[in-house]
Amino acid sequence: MPYQRMIPTDDKEGYAKTSLTMTRAMSEDIGLKVKKILEDIANNTVNLSYTEWQWFVSQAWCDEIWVMAMVKAIQIAKREHIDLNTNEEFLNLISEMSASELKNEFRKTHPIAKLSLMDLIQKKIPEPVKPKTVEELWP
């Protein structure tokens, strides 16, 4: 059938190949960052810059009106020298909305991304790897 040629498949040249591993890794990475920030809020150890707060809200939240309002609020806080890391109302709003907003954001994407977020409930954040010295690389 001539119409079969129009259906993209991974084995044809010229089409972008999708990678489930990459989709899972990217969503896991975003999910771990959100989880870490929410844990830091709960432990009163959060320390993000205004730019990092803007990134967090714009990446984790899906409601465009909320995102625009929060970015504007973060800009005002920066101008007024309000420390968002200790502002209880701001942190309460972030911790209340971030998990459900992230879920809604990933609902619009790939089902593998949603599954990888669910797997993060008990997953620990990976420990940073110590940089290797020259002697370790070249004995």
N, C-alpha and C. Protein backbone atom coordinates (compact mmCIF):
# COMPACT_ATOMS: atom_id res chain seq x y z
N MET A 1 0.83 -1.18 0.00
CA MET A 1 0.00 0.00 0.00
C MET A 1 0.88 1.25 0.00
N PRO A 2 0.55 2.22 -0.79
CA PRO A 2 1.37 3.43 -0.84
C PRO A 2 1.28 4.26 0.44
N TYR A 3 0.21 4.13 1.20
CA TYR A 3 0.04 4.94 2.41
C TYR A 3 0.91 4.46 3.56
N GLN A 4 1.38 3.22 3.50
CA GLN A 4 2.24 2.71 4.57
C GLN A 4 3.55 3.47 4.65
N ARG A 5 4.00 4.00 3.55
CA ARG A 5 5.26 4.74 3.55
C ARG A 5 5.15 6.03 4.34
N MET A 6 3.96 6.54 4.54
CA MET A 6 3.77 7.80 5.24
C MET A 6 3.79 7.64 6.75
N ILE A 7 3.68 6.43 7.26
CA ILE A 7 3.67 6.20 8.70
C ILE A 7 5.11 6.12 9.17
N PRO A 8 5.52 7.03 10.08
CA PRO A 8 6.92 7.00 10.53
C PRO A 8 7.18 5.83 11.46
N THR A 9 8.30 5.21 11.27
CA THR A 9 8.75 4.14 12.16
C THR A 9 10.21 4.40 12.51
N ASP A 10 10.68 3.76 13.56
CA ASP A 10 12.05 3.97 13.99
C ASP A 10 13.08 3.40 13.03
N ASP A 11 12.69 2.44 12.20
CA ASP A 11 13.68 1.82 11.32
C ASP A 11 13.85 2.57 10.00
N LYS A 12 13.04 3.55 9.73
CA LYS A 12 13.19 4.33 8.50
C LYS A 12 14.16 5.48 8.72
N GLU A 13 14.90 5.79 7.69
CA GLU A 13 15.82 6.92 7.79
C GLU A 13 15.05 8.22 7.64
N GLY A 14 15.53 9.26 8.25
CA GLY A 14 14.90 10.55 8.10
C GLY A 14 13.91 10.89 9.21
N TYR A 15 13.61 9.96 10.07
CA TYR A 15 12.69 10.23 11.18
C TYR A 15 13.48 10.24 12.48
N ALA A 16 13.08 11.11 13.39
CA ALA A 16 13.74 11.15 14.70
C ALA A 16 13.38 9.90 15.48
N LYS A 17 14.38 9.30 16.08
CA LYS A 17 14.14 8.09 16.88
C LYS A 17 13.85 8.50 18.31
N THR A 18 12.79 7.95 18.85
CA THR A 18 12.46 8.27 20.23
C THR A 18 13.19 7.30 21.14
N SER A 19 13.59 7.78 22.28
CA SER A 19 14.31 6.94 23.23
C SER A 19 13.54 6.92 24.54
N LEU A 20 12.99 5.77 24.87
CA LEU A 20 12.27 5.65 26.14
C LEU A 20 13.21 5.83 27.31
N THR A 21 14.45 5.38 27.16
CA THR A 21 15.44 5.54 28.22
C THR A 21 15.71 7.01 28.48
N MET A 22 15.84 7.79 27.41
CA MET A 22 16.11 9.22 27.57
C MET A 22 14.90 9.93 28.17
N THR A 23 13.70 9.56 27.73
CA THR A 23 12.48 10.16 28.28
C THR A 23 12.38 9.88 29.76
N ARG A 24 12.65 8.64 30.14
CA ARG A 24 12.59 8.25 31.55
C ARG A 24 13.65 8.98 32.36
N ALA A 25 14.87 9.07 31.84
CA ALA A 25 15.96 9.72 32.56
C ALA A 25 15.69 11.21 32.75
N MET A 26 15.18 11.87 31.73
CA MET A 26 14.90 13.30 31.83
C MET A 26 13.80 13.59 32.85
N SER A 27 12.73 12.81 32.80
CA SER A 27 11.64 13.04 33.75
C SER A 27 12.07 12.68 35.17
N GLU A 28 12.90 11.65 35.30
CA GLU A 28 13.42 11.28 36.61
C GLU A 28 14.30 12.39 37.17
N ASP A 29 15.10 13.00 36.30
CA ASP A 29 15.98 14.08 36.73
C ASP A 29 15.16 15.27 37.23
N ILE A 30 14.15 15.67 36.49
CA ILE A 30 13.28 16.77 36.90
C ILE A 30 12.56 16.41 38.20
N GLY A 31 12.04 15.19 38.26
CA GLY A 31 11.33 14.75 39.46
C GLY A 31 12.21 14.74 40.69
N LEU A 32 13.47 14.30 40.55
CA LEU A 32 14.39 14.29 41.68
C LEU A 32 14.71 15.70 42.16
N LYS A 33 14.84 16.63 41.23
CA LYS A 33 15.11 18.02 41.61
C LYS A 33 13.93 18.60 42.37
N VAL A 34 12.71 18.34 41.89
CA VAL A 34 11.52 18.84 42.57
C VAL A 34 11.41 18.20 43.95
N LYS A 35 11.66 16.89 44.02
CA LYS A 35 11.59 16.19 45.30
C LYS A 35 12.60 16.75 46.29
N LYS A 36 13.81 17.03 45.84
CA LYS A 36 14.86 17.59 46.70
C LYS A 36 14.45 18.96 47.24
N ILE A 37 13.89 19.80 46.39
CA ILE A 37 13.47 21.13 46.83
C ILE A 37 12.33 21.03 47.83
N LEU A 38 11.38 20.14 47.58
CA LEU A 38 10.27 19.97 48.53
C LEU A 38 10.76 19.42 49.87
N GLU A 39 11.73 18.51 49.83
CA GLU A 39 12.31 18.00 51.08
C GLU A 39 13.06 19.11 51.82
N ASP A 40 13.78 19.96 51.08
CA ASP A 40 14.48 21.08 51.70
C ASP A 40 13.50 22.07 52.34
N ILE A 41 12.36 22.29 51.69
CA ILE A 41 11.34 23.16 52.26
C ILE A 41 10.83 22.56 53.57
N ALA A 42 10.56 21.26 53.56
CA ALA A 42 10.05 20.59 54.76
C ALA A 42 11.08 20.62 55.90
N ASN A 43 12.36 20.57 55.56
CA ASN A 43 13.42 20.57 56.57
C ASN A 43 13.94 21.97 56.91
N ASN A 44 13.33 23.00 56.31
CA ASN A 44 13.75 24.40 56.51
C ASN A 44 15.21 24.62 56.12
N THR A 45 15.66 23.94 55.06
CA THR A 45 17.04 24.11 54.60
C THR A 45 17.12 24.59 53.16
N VAL A 46 16.00 25.04 52.61
CA VAL A 46 15.99 25.47 51.21
C VAL A 46 16.80 26.76 51.07
N ASN A 47 17.59 26.82 49.99
CA ASN A 47 18.42 27.99 49.75
C ASN A 47 18.58 28.17 48.24
N LEU A 48 17.56 28.73 47.61
CA LEU A 48 17.58 28.94 46.17
C LEU A 48 17.64 30.43 45.88
N SER A 49 18.28 30.76 44.76
CA SER A 49 18.30 32.16 44.32
C SER A 49 16.96 32.48 43.66
N TYR A 50 16.74 33.75 43.37
CA TYR A 50 15.49 34.15 42.69
C TYR A 50 15.38 33.48 41.32
N THR A 51 16.50 33.39 40.62
CA THR A 51 16.50 32.74 39.31
C THR A 51 16.17 31.26 39.43
N GLU A 52 16.70 30.60 40.45
CA GLU A 52 16.40 29.18 40.64
C GLU A 52 14.93 28.97 41.00
N TRP A 53 14.35 29.90 41.77
CA TRP A 53 12.92 29.79 42.06
C TRP A 53 12.11 29.95 40.78
N GLN A 54 12.49 30.88 39.92
CA GLN A 54 11.78 31.06 38.65
C GLN A 54 11.89 29.81 37.79
N TRP A 55 13.09 29.22 37.73
CA TRP A 55 13.26 28.00 36.96
C TRP A 55 12.38 26.89 37.52
N PHE A 56 12.39 26.75 38.84
CA PHE A 56 11.61 25.70 39.49
C PHE A 56 10.13 25.82 39.13
N VAL A 57 9.58 27.00 39.30
CA VAL A 57 8.15 27.20 39.03
C VAL A 57 7.85 26.99 37.55
N SER A 58 8.69 27.52 36.68
CA SER A 58 8.40 27.41 35.25
C SER A 58 8.56 25.99 34.72
N GLN A 59 9.41 25.18 35.37
CA GLN A 59 9.59 23.79 34.92
C GLN A 59 8.61 22.83 35.56
N ALA A 60 8.26 23.06 36.81
CA ALA A 60 7.45 22.09 37.54
C ALA A 60 5.95 22.35 37.45
N TRP A 61 5.55 23.59 37.19
CA TRP A 61 4.13 23.91 37.19
C TRP A 61 3.60 23.95 35.76
N CYS A 62 2.34 23.59 35.60
CA CYS A 62 1.78 23.53 34.25
C CYS A 62 0.78 24.64 33.95
N ASP A 63 0.15 25.21 34.95
CA ASP A 63 -0.85 26.24 34.73
C ASP A 63 -0.14 27.54 34.35
N GLU A 64 -0.33 27.98 33.12
CA GLU A 64 0.42 29.13 32.61
C GLU A 64 0.12 30.40 33.39
N ILE A 65 -1.11 30.58 33.84
CA ILE A 65 -1.46 31.78 34.60
C ILE A 65 -0.74 31.77 35.94
N TRP A 66 -0.72 30.62 36.62
CA TRP A 66 0.01 30.51 37.88
C TRP A 66 1.50 30.76 37.67
N VAL A 67 2.05 30.20 36.61
CA VAL A 67 3.48 30.38 36.34
C VAL A 67 3.80 31.85 36.14
N MET A 68 3.00 32.54 35.32
CA MET A 68 3.24 33.97 35.08
C MET A 68 3.09 34.78 36.36
N ALA A 69 2.09 34.45 37.17
CA ALA A 69 1.89 35.16 38.43
C ALA A 69 3.05 34.92 39.39
N MET A 70 3.53 33.67 39.47
CA MET A 70 4.63 33.36 40.38
C MET A 70 5.93 34.02 39.92
N VAL A 71 6.18 34.04 38.62
CA VAL A 71 7.39 34.69 38.11
C VAL A 71 7.33 36.18 38.44
N LYS A 72 6.16 36.77 38.29
CA LYS A 72 6.00 38.19 38.64
C LYS A 72 6.22 38.40 40.14
N ALA A 73 5.66 37.52 40.96
CA ALA A 73 5.84 37.62 42.41
C ALA A 73 7.30 37.46 42.80
N ILE A 74 8.02 36.57 42.13
CA ILE A 74 9.44 36.37 42.42
C ILE A 74 10.23 37.62 42.04
N GLN A 75 9.87 38.25 40.92
CA GLN A 75 10.54 39.50 40.52
C GLN A 75 10.30 40.61 41.53
N ILE A 76 9.07 40.72 42.02
CA ILE A 76 8.75 41.73 43.03
C ILE A 76 9.52 41.44 44.32
N ALA A 77 9.59 40.16 44.70
CA ALA A 77 10.34 39.79 45.91
C ALA A 77 11.81 40.15 45.77
N LYS A 78 12.35 39.97 44.58
CA LYS A 78 13.75 40.33 44.34
C LYS A 78 13.93 41.84 44.47
N ARG A 79 13.03 42.60 43.88
CA ARG A 79 13.11 44.07 43.93
C ARG A 79 12.94 44.58 45.36
N GLU A 80 12.05 43.94 46.13
CA GLU A 80 11.77 44.38 47.50
C GLU A 80 12.70 43.73 48.53
N HIS A 81 13.65 42.92 48.07
CA HIS A 81 14.60 42.22 48.94
C HIS A 81 13.90 41.31 49.96
N ILE A 82 12.91 40.56 49.50
CA ILE A 82 12.20 39.59 50.34
C ILE A 82 12.87 38.24 50.16
N ASP A 83 13.29 37.63 51.24
CA ASP A 83 13.95 36.33 51.18
C ASP A 83 12.90 35.24 51.01
N LEU A 84 12.80 34.68 49.82
CA LEU A 84 11.80 33.65 49.54
C LEU A 84 12.10 32.35 50.25
N ASN A 85 13.36 32.13 50.60
CA ASN A 85 13.74 30.89 51.28
C ASN A 85 13.22 30.83 52.71
N THR A 86 12.80 31.97 53.26
CA THR A 86 12.27 31.98 54.62
C THR A 86 10.84 32.51 54.68
N ASN A 87 10.28 32.87 53.52
CA ASN A 87 8.92 33.40 53.48
C ASN A 87 7.93 32.25 53.58
N GLU A 88 7.27 32.14 54.72
CA GLU A 88 6.42 30.99 55.01
C GLU A 88 5.25 30.84 54.03
N GLU A 89 4.61 31.95 53.67
CA GLU A 89 3.47 31.88 52.74
C GLU A 89 3.91 31.37 51.37
N PHE A 90 5.04 31.87 50.89
CA PHE A 90 5.57 31.44 49.59
C PHE A 90 5.92 29.96 49.62
N LEU A 91 6.63 29.53 50.67
CA LEU A 91 7.06 28.13 50.76
C LEU A 91 5.86 27.20 50.92
N ASN A 92 4.84 27.63 51.66
CA ASN A 92 3.64 26.81 51.79
C ASN A 92 2.96 26.63 50.43
N LEU A 93 2.87 27.70 49.67
CA LEU A 93 2.25 27.61 48.34
C LEU A 93 3.05 26.69 47.42
N ILE A 94 4.37 26.83 47.46
CA ILE A 94 5.23 25.97 46.64
C ILE A 94 5.05 24.51 47.03
N SER A 95 5.08 24.21 48.31
CA SER A 95 4.99 22.81 48.74
C SER A 95 3.59 22.24 48.52
N GLU A 96 2.55 23.07 48.61
CA GLU A 96 1.19 22.57 48.38
C GLU A 96 0.93 22.27 46.91
N MET A 97 1.45 23.11 46.02
CA MET A 97 1.07 23.00 44.62
C MET A 97 2.04 22.23 43.74
N SER A 98 3.30 22.13 44.11
CA SER A 98 4.31 21.62 43.18
C SER A 98 4.08 20.18 42.75
N ALA A 99 3.75 19.30 43.66
CA ALA A 99 3.57 17.89 43.28
C ALA A 99 2.41 17.72 42.30
N SER A 100 1.27 18.34 42.58
CA SER A 100 0.12 18.19 41.68
C SER A 100 0.35 18.91 40.36
N GLU A 101 1.01 20.06 40.40
CA GLU A 101 1.31 20.77 39.15
C GLU A 101 2.27 19.96 38.28
N LEU A 102 3.27 19.34 38.91
CA LEU A 102 4.22 18.52 38.14
C LEU A 102 3.50 17.33 37.52
N LYS A 103 2.59 16.74 38.27
CA LYS A 103 1.81 15.61 37.73
C LYS A 103 0.99 16.06 36.53
N ASN A 104 0.35 17.22 36.63
CA ASN A 104 -0.43 17.74 35.50
C ASN A 104 0.46 18.06 34.31
N GLU A 105 1.65 18.56 34.58
CA GLU A 105 2.59 18.87 33.50
C GLU A 105 2.98 17.59 32.76
N PHE A 106 3.26 16.54 33.52
CA PHE A 106 3.69 15.29 32.89
C PHE A 106 2.52 14.50 32.32
N ARG A 107 1.31 14.83 32.71
CA ARG A 107 0.14 14.18 32.13
C ARG A 107 0.04 14.50 30.64
N LYS A 108 0.56 15.66 30.26
CA LYS A 108 0.52 16.07 28.86
C LYS A 108 1.63 15.42 28.04
N THR A 109 2.55 14.74 28.71
CA THR A 109 3.70 14.18 28.00
C THR A 109 3.58 12.67 27.89
N HIS A 110 4.69 12.03 27.79
CA HIS A 110 4.77 10.59 27.54
C HIS A 110 4.37 9.79 28.78
N PRO A 111 3.67 8.67 28.61
CA PRO A 111 3.31 7.83 29.77
C PRO A 111 4.52 7.29 30.52
N ILE A 112 5.64 7.10 29.85
CA ILE A 112 6.86 6.63 30.51
C ILE A 112 7.34 7.69 31.50
N ALA A 113 7.18 8.96 31.14
CA ALA A 113 7.59 10.04 32.05
C ALA A 113 6.73 10.02 33.30
N LYS A 114 5.44 9.78 33.15
CA LYS A 114 4.55 9.70 34.32
C LYS A 114 4.95 8.53 35.21
N LEU A 115 5.25 7.39 34.61
CA LEU A 115 5.65 6.22 35.40
C LEU A 115 6.95 6.46 36.16
N SER A 116 7.89 7.14 35.53
CA SER A 116 9.16 7.38 36.21
C SER A 116 8.97 8.33 37.40
N LEU A 117 8.00 9.25 37.32
CA LEU A 117 7.72 10.11 38.46
C LEU A 117 7.16 9.30 39.62
N MET A 118 6.31 8.34 39.32
CA MET A 118 5.75 7.51 40.38
C MET A 118 6.82 6.67 41.06
N ASP A 119 7.84 6.27 40.31
CA ASP A 119 8.92 5.47 40.88
C ASP A 119 9.79 6.26 41.85
N LEU A 120 9.68 7.59 41.85
CA LEU A 120 10.55 8.42 42.68
C LEU A 120 10.12 8.50 44.13
N ILE A 121 8.97 7.95 44.46
CA ILE A 121 8.45 8.10 45.82
C ILE A 121 9.46 7.56 46.84
N GLN A 122 10.01 6.38 46.61
CA GLN A 122 10.96 5.79 47.56
C GLN A 122 12.41 5.89 47.10
N LYS A 123 12.64 6.45 45.92
CA LYS A 123 13.99 6.51 45.38
C LYS A 123 14.81 7.59 46.07
N LYS A 124 16.05 7.29 46.36
CA LYS A 124 16.96 8.24 46.99
C LYS A 124 17.68 9.05 45.91
N ILE A 125 17.99 10.27 46.24
CA ILE A 125 18.74 11.12 45.32
C ILE A 125 20.16 10.58 45.23
N PRO A 126 20.70 10.42 44.00
CA PRO A 126 22.05 9.87 43.88
C PRO A 126 23.09 10.76 44.55
N GLU A 127 24.05 10.11 45.17
CA GLU A 127 25.15 10.83 45.82
C GLU A 127 26.08 11.37 44.73
N PRO A 128 26.61 12.58 44.93
CA PRO A 128 27.54 13.11 43.94
C PRO A 128 28.81 12.26 43.89
N VAL A 129 29.32 12.06 42.69
CA VAL A 129 30.52 11.26 42.50
C VAL A 129 31.74 12.15 42.72
N LYS A 130 32.68 11.64 43.52
CA LYS A 130 33.91 12.38 43.80
C LYS A 130 34.75 12.43 42.52
N PRO A 131 35.25 13.62 42.16
CA PRO A 131 36.09 13.68 40.95
C PRO A 131 37.34 12.83 41.11
N LYS A 132 37.69 12.15 40.06
CA LYS A 132 38.86 11.28 40.10
C LYS A 132 40.13 12.10 39.88
N THR A 133 41.18 11.65 40.53
CA THR A 133 42.48 12.29 40.34
C THR A 133 43.19 11.64 39.17
N VAL A 134 44.24 12.28 38.72
CA VAL A 134 45.02 11.74 37.60
C VAL A 134 45.61 10.38 37.97
N GLU A 135 46.03 10.23 39.22
CA GLU A 135 46.65 8.98 39.66
C GLU A 135 45.63 7.83 39.62
N GLU A 136 44.37 8.12 39.88
CA GLU A 136 43.35 7.08 39.82
C GLU A 136 43.04 6.68 38.39
N LEU A 137 43.12 7.65 37.49
CA LEU A 137 42.82 7.35 36.08
C LEU A 137 44.00 6.68 35.37
N TRP A 138 45.22 7.12 35.67
CA TRP A 138 46.41 6.58 35.04
C TRP A 138 47.36 6.05 36.10
N PRO A 139 47.19 4.78 36.49
CA PRO A 139 48.06 4.22 37.53
C PRO A 139 49.50 4.07 37.11
